[in-house]
Amino acid sequence: MIASLFGFLRRSHKEPVHAAERPKRFFDEGPDHIYAIGDVHGCDDLLAALEDRIIEDARQRQGTKWLVMLGDYVDRGPKTASVLDRLTARAPEGFTRICLAGNHEEIMLDFLENPAADHRWLDFGGLETLHSYGIHKLPSNRQALRNTLLSYIPQEHIEFLERLPSLVSVPGYCFVHAGIRENQPLSEQEDAALLWLRPRASGEPAPQRDFIVVHGHTPVTDVEIVGGRINIDTGAYMSGKLSAVRLSRNEKPALLQCS
């Protein structure tokens, strides 16, 4: 379904979604602790509860702390607008928050740039997102639809989605929404892969590289730590379980969850 949808989007518009590649962020040194959070998909209550659990966990730990959000904040669940309110506000005290782009953010932006009552995004979780902003009826006229969107969706939310990077790298870890193409430098990775790629089968040999890829995008029943990657998308909007992984210096990854 994902591959066919991506093909649909590429065929349906003269220009690809966000022709300019998103920024990538490379750090020579990471913090003492990174809390990476999987796909939220409009589940703001779960995100609030998980943040509280992370804050409590972090009180027991000295040093610098990041929250890394792995994309797909919008669609599917009922509270996308609340999620984006949270992510555009100040991070919890003592944390630096970095948010990555997911494929659902890309499709939402495409809809906002090319609004149409028959846009495929509406069947991809977009209706739930619009409902969270109070939009329950879509005008059939394109200009009227555009005006409705501008009236209900804060410009701050749109600009936030537009600025999201597609990759964050620190020594030992690479954070992306979906995955990377092996044997290709991180600086040359294309957004089409970083936001859409599916991981290799878990039984395949681990790639030879000096970092672990931390990603979401592909829902799993339980967090996967396998083959040089960590998948923390536990399908919050379906399972009611939102997951995070804590990556601390000289410690094994630790899982935190809320349900």
Foldseek 3Di string as FASTA:
>chain_A
DLVVVLVCQPVVDPAHQPNDFADAAEDAADKQKEKEWAAQAQVVVFVVVLLVVVVVVCVVDDIAYEYEYAENLHFLYQASVVSLVQVLDDDPPRYHYAYAYAVLLSLVLVCLVVPAPPRCNCVVRVQSRCVNQVDNDADRDRVVNNVVCPVRRDPSSNVVSVNHHQWYDYQAEIEGAADFDPPDDPVPTGSCCRHRNHDDPQPDAADDDRHAYEYEDDADCCWDDGRRYIYQHPPCSPPVKIKIWMDGPPDDIDIDMDD
